[in-house]
């Protein structure tokens, strides 16, 4: 009879099998983890490849649209340039026709109206006044009046001096007294002219 103990009975072939050892279990779990990682990375790389391919396809599609739009705009610009060229040629033809039609007409002599006789320019009024002198020129009239009045005053002043001198001689004035009298007279004339000049500068015409 077999020995019944606390340990369970294990066959020899199973006891000696490496699958039941702890090291073999760890190896099996590690290999399964690596396989999961590899499969995950492979799936991720496939997803990235798919996204890149989709971007390339969208870019190629947009590029094709841009090329079509560029071709359309190029055709439009070509048609516009052709229209402009045709319009320019038409304008040149019309100008040639007008020039030809104008050259066929007989040339008519253009008669200009006779020029009116030119009168000599009239001098300004100031130049006309400059021809005269004295009372004819209004600018010299005050000067002539003042000059005549000063000459008359000189004559009368000399006559008055002689009369005063003879009167003093008849009164038996000495020469010193007559000289002092005339000195006071000249001083009075100096102050009179000075006062008249000041009054004319302040209250005279501007």
Protein backbone atom coordinates (compact mmCIF):
# COMPACT_ATOMS: atom_id res chain seq x y z
CA UNK A 1 0.00 0.00 0.00
CA UNK A 2 1.22 3.39 -0.69
CA UNK A 3 2.29 5.60 2.13
CA UNK A 4 -0.53 8.04 2.93
CA UNK A 5 0.92 11.32 4.13
CA UNK A 6 0.05 15.00 4.05
CA UNK A 7 1.67 15.53 0.60
CA UNK A 8 -0.46 14.66 -2.40
CA UNK A 9 0.70 12.09 -4.81
CA UNK A 10 2.45 13.52 -7.93
CA UNK A 11 3.64 11.32 -10.74
CA UNK A 12 7.31 11.25 -11.52
CA UNK A 13 6.90 12.42 -15.14
CA UNK A 14 4.85 15.46 -14.08
CA UNK A 15 7.19 16.25 -11.21
CA UNK A 16 10.16 16.24 -13.50
CA UNK A 17 8.35 18.38 -16.19
CA UNK A 18 9.83 21.93 -16.61
CA UNK A 19 6.40 23.55 -17.21
CA UNK A 20 5.57 23.27 -13.57
CA UNK A 21 8.74 25.14 -12.45
CA UNK A 22 8.53 28.87 -11.51
CA UNK A 23 11.31 29.92 -13.91
CA UNK A 24 9.57 28.41 -16.88
CA UNK A 25 6.34 30.23 -15.99
CA UNK A 26 8.17 33.55 -15.85
CA UNK A 27 9.71 32.91 -19.25
CA UNK A 28 6.33 32.10 -20.71
CA UNK A 29 4.77 35.32 -19.27
CA UNK A 30 7.66 37.47 -20.55
CA UNK A 31 7.41 36.08 -24.05
CA UNK A 32 3.66 36.67 -24.10
CA UNK A 33 4.18 40.29 -22.96
CA UNK A 34 6.74 40.92 -25.69
CA UNK A 35 4.37 39.44 -28.25
CA UNK A 36 1.61 41.76 -27.04
CA UNK A 37 3.94 44.79 -27.27
CA UNK A 38 5.09 43.81 -30.75
CA UNK A 39 1.53 43.31 -31.91
CA UNK A 40 0.49 46.68 -30.37
CA UNK A 41 3.39 48.48 -32.03
CA UNK A 42 2.61 46.82 -35.30
CA UNK A 43 -1.00 47.95 -35.06
CA UNK A 44 0.08 51.49 -34.17
CA UNK A 45 2.52 51.68 -37.08
CA UNK A 46 -0.23 50.47 -39.41
CA UNK A 47 -2.54 53.20 -38.11
CA UNK A 48 0.15 55.86 -38.65
CA UNK A 49 0.82 54.55 -42.13
CA UNK A 50 -2.87 54.75 -42.92
CA UNK A 51 -3.08 58.35 -41.61
CA UNK A 52 -0.02 59.39 -43.65
CA UNK A 53 -1.47 57.77 -46.75
CA UNK A 54 -4.75 59.59 -46.22
CA UNK A 55 -2.89 62.93 -45.87
CA UNK A 56 -0.92 62.23 -49.04
CA UNK A 57 -4.13 61.44 -50.88
CA UNK A 58 -5.81 64.66 -49.63
CA UNK A 59 -2.77 66.73 -50.62
CA UNK A 60 -2.66 65.19 -54.05
CA UNK A 61 -6.38 65.90 -54.45
CA UNK A 62 -5.99 69.55 -53.43
CA UNK A 63 -2.96 69.84 -55.71
CA UNK A 64 -5.02 68.56 -58.60
CA UNK A 65 -7.74 71.10 -57.84
CA UNK A 66 -5.18 73.91 -57.71
CA UNK A 67 -3.73 72.83 -61.02
CA UNK A 68 -7.18 72.82 -62.58
CA UNK A 69 -7.91 76.30 -61.20
CA UNK A 70 -4.54 77.52 -62.48
CA UNK A 71 -5.27 76.15 -65.93
CA UNK A 72 -8.68 77.83 -65.89
CA UNK A 73 -7.20 81.18 -64.90
CA UNK A 74 -4.49 80.81 -67.55
CA UNK A 75 -7.09 80.15 -70.22
CA UNK A 76 -9.11 83.13 -69.02
CA UNK A 77 -6.08 85.44 -69.15
CA UNK A 78 -5.22 84.15 -72.63
CA UNK A 79 -8.73 84.88 -73.86
CA UNK A 80 -8.65 88.38 -72.36
CA UNK A 81 -5.30 89.13 -73.98
CA UNK A 82 -6.67 87.93 -77.31
CA UNK A 83 -9.72 90.21 -76.92
CA UNK A 84 -7.49 93.17 -76.10
CA UNK A 85 -5.29 92.48 -79.10
CA UNK A 86 -8.36 92.30 -81.37
CA UNK A 87 -9.69 95.58 -79.93
CA UNK A 88 -6.32 97.30 -80.49
CA UNK A 89 -6.19 96.08 -84.09
CA UNK A 90 -9.75 97.34 -84.63
CA UNK A 91 -8.84 100.77 -83.26
CA UNK A 92 -5.81 100.95 -85.56
CA UNK A 93 -7.96 100.05 -88.55
CA UNK A 94 -10.53 102.71 -87.66
CA UNK A 95 -7.81 105.34 -87.34
CA UNK A 96 -6.40 104.35 -90.72
CA UNK A 97 -9.84 104.63 -92.28
CA UNK A 98 -10.41 108.07 -90.77
CA UNK A 99 -6.99 109.27 -91.91
CA UNK A 100 -7.61 107.94 -95.41
CA UNK A 101 -11.04 109.57 -95.55
CA UNK A 102 -9.57 112.87 -94.37
CA UNK A 103 -6.75 112.79 -96.89
CA UNK A 104 -9.19 112.23 -99.78
CA UNK A 105 -10.98 115.54 -99.10
CA UNK A 106 -9.56 118.64 -100.84
CA UNK A 107 -7.61 120.86 -98.57
CA UNK A 108 -9.40 124.10 -97.83
CA UNK A 109 -7.42 127.22 -97.18
CA UNK A 110 -7.98 128.42 -93.68
CA UNK A 111 -8.47 132.17 -93.61
CA UNK A 112 -7.55 133.85 -90.40
CA UNK A 113 -9.38 136.99 -89.32
CA UNK A 114 -7.40 140.18 -89.81
CA UNK A 115 -5.59 141.37 -86.76
CA UNK A 116 -6.84 144.65 -85.34
CA UNK A 117 -4.41 147.58 -85.59
CA UNK A 118 -2.24 147.79 -82.56
CA UNK A 119 -2.31 151.10 -80.75
CA UNK A 120 0.80 152.33 -79.01
CA UNK A 121 0.64 151.60 -75.31
CA UNK A 122 -0.42 154.49 -73.19
CA UNK A 123 2.06 155.49 -70.53
CA UNK A 124 0.82 155.27 -66.97
CA UNK A 125 -0.41 158.50 -65.42
CA UNK A 126 2.69 158.81 -63.27
CA UNK A 127 4.93 158.93 -66.35
CA UNK A 128 2.70 161.57 -67.93
CA UNK A 129 2.99 163.74 -64.83
CA UNK A 130 6.79 163.34 -64.83
CA UNK A 131 6.98 165.19 -68.17
CA UNK A 132 5.99 168.49 -66.56
CA UNK A 133 7.64 170.39 -63.73
CA UNK A 134 6.56 172.84 -61.15
CA UNK A 135 2.82 173.36 -60.83
CA UNK A 136 2.12 170.79 -63.56
CA UNK A 137 3.46 167.97 -61.41
CA UNK A 138 1.35 167.50 -58.27
CA UNK A 139 4.30 165.91 -56.50
CA UNK A 140 6.55 168.97 -57.03
CA UNK A 141 3.87 171.56 -56.35
CA UNK A 142 4.41 171.72 -52.55
CA UNK A 143 8.17 172.00 -53.08
CA UNK A 144 7.78 174.94 -55.47
CA UNK A 145 5.40 176.74 -53.11
CA UNK A 146 7.70 176.29 -50.12
CA UNK A 147 10.75 177.42 -52.11
CA UNK A 148 9.04 180.63 -53.31
CA UNK A 149 7.78 181.38 -49.82
CA UNK A 150 11.27 180.88 -48.36
CA UNK A 151 12.82 183.23 -50.94
CA UNK A 152 10.24 185.92 -50.16
CA UNK A 153 10.82 185.40 -46.44
CA UNK A 154 14.58 185.85 -46.97
CA UNK A 155 14.03 189.19 -48.68
CA UNK A 156 11.62 190.44 -46.06
CA UNK A 157 13.83 189.17 -43.22
CA UNK A 158 16.85 191.00 -44.59
CA UNK A 159 14.81 194.18 -45.01
CA UNK A 160 13.51 193.90 -41.44
CA UNK A 161 17.05 193.47 -40.13
CA UNK A 162 18.22 196.61 -41.90
CA UNK A 163 15.24 198.59 -40.65
CA UNK A 164 15.85 197.44 -37.05
CA UNK A 165 19.56 198.23 -37.33
CA UNK A 166 18.93 201.77 -38.62
CA UNK A 167 16.31 202.34 -35.93
CA UNK A 168 18.79 201.28 -33.24
CA UNK A 169 21.39 203.66 -34.73
CA UNK A 170 18.97 206.57 -34.51
CA UNK A 171 18.24 205.60 -30.89
CA UNK A 172 21.99 205.76 -30.12
CA UNK A 173 22.41 202.05 -29.28
CA UNK A 174 25.97 200.83 -28.97
CA UNK A 175 27.34 198.02 -31.18
CA UNK A 176 27.39 195.58 -28.23
CA UNK A 177 23.73 196.27 -27.48
CA UNK A 178 22.75 195.74 -31.12
CA UNK A 179 24.75 192.45 -31.25
CA UNK A 180 23.08 191.21 -28.04
CA UNK A 181 19.66 192.12 -29.44
CA UNK A 182 20.23 190.17 -32.63
CA UNK A 183 21.68 187.22 -30.65
CA UNK A 184 18.47 186.95 -28.64
CA UNK A 185 16.50 187.21 -31.88
CA UNK A 186 18.41 184.31 -33.45
CA UNK A 187 18.02 182.17 -30.31
CA UNK A 188 14.28 182.81 -30.36
CA UNK A 189 14.23 181.65 -34.02
CA UNK A 190 16.14 178.45 -33.11
CA UNK A 191 13.67 177.51 -30.36
CA UNK A 192 10.72 178.44 -32.58
CA UNK A 193 11.91 176.15 -35.40
CA UNK A 194 12.63 173.35 -32.89
CA UNK A 195 9.14 173.56 -31.40
CA UNK A 196 7.53 173.69 -34.86
CA UNK A 197 9.47 170.57 -35.95
CA UNK A 198 8.43 168.62 -32.87
CA UNK A 199 4.79 169.58 -33.31
CA UNK A 200 4.89 168.65 -37.00
CA UNK A 201 6.45 165.24 -36.24
CA UNK A 202 3.82 164.39 -33.61
CA UNK A 203 0.66 165.96 -35.04
CA UNK A 204 1.52 166.37 -38.69
CA UNK A 205 0.19 164.19 -41.56
CA UNK A 206 1.46 160.63 -41.63
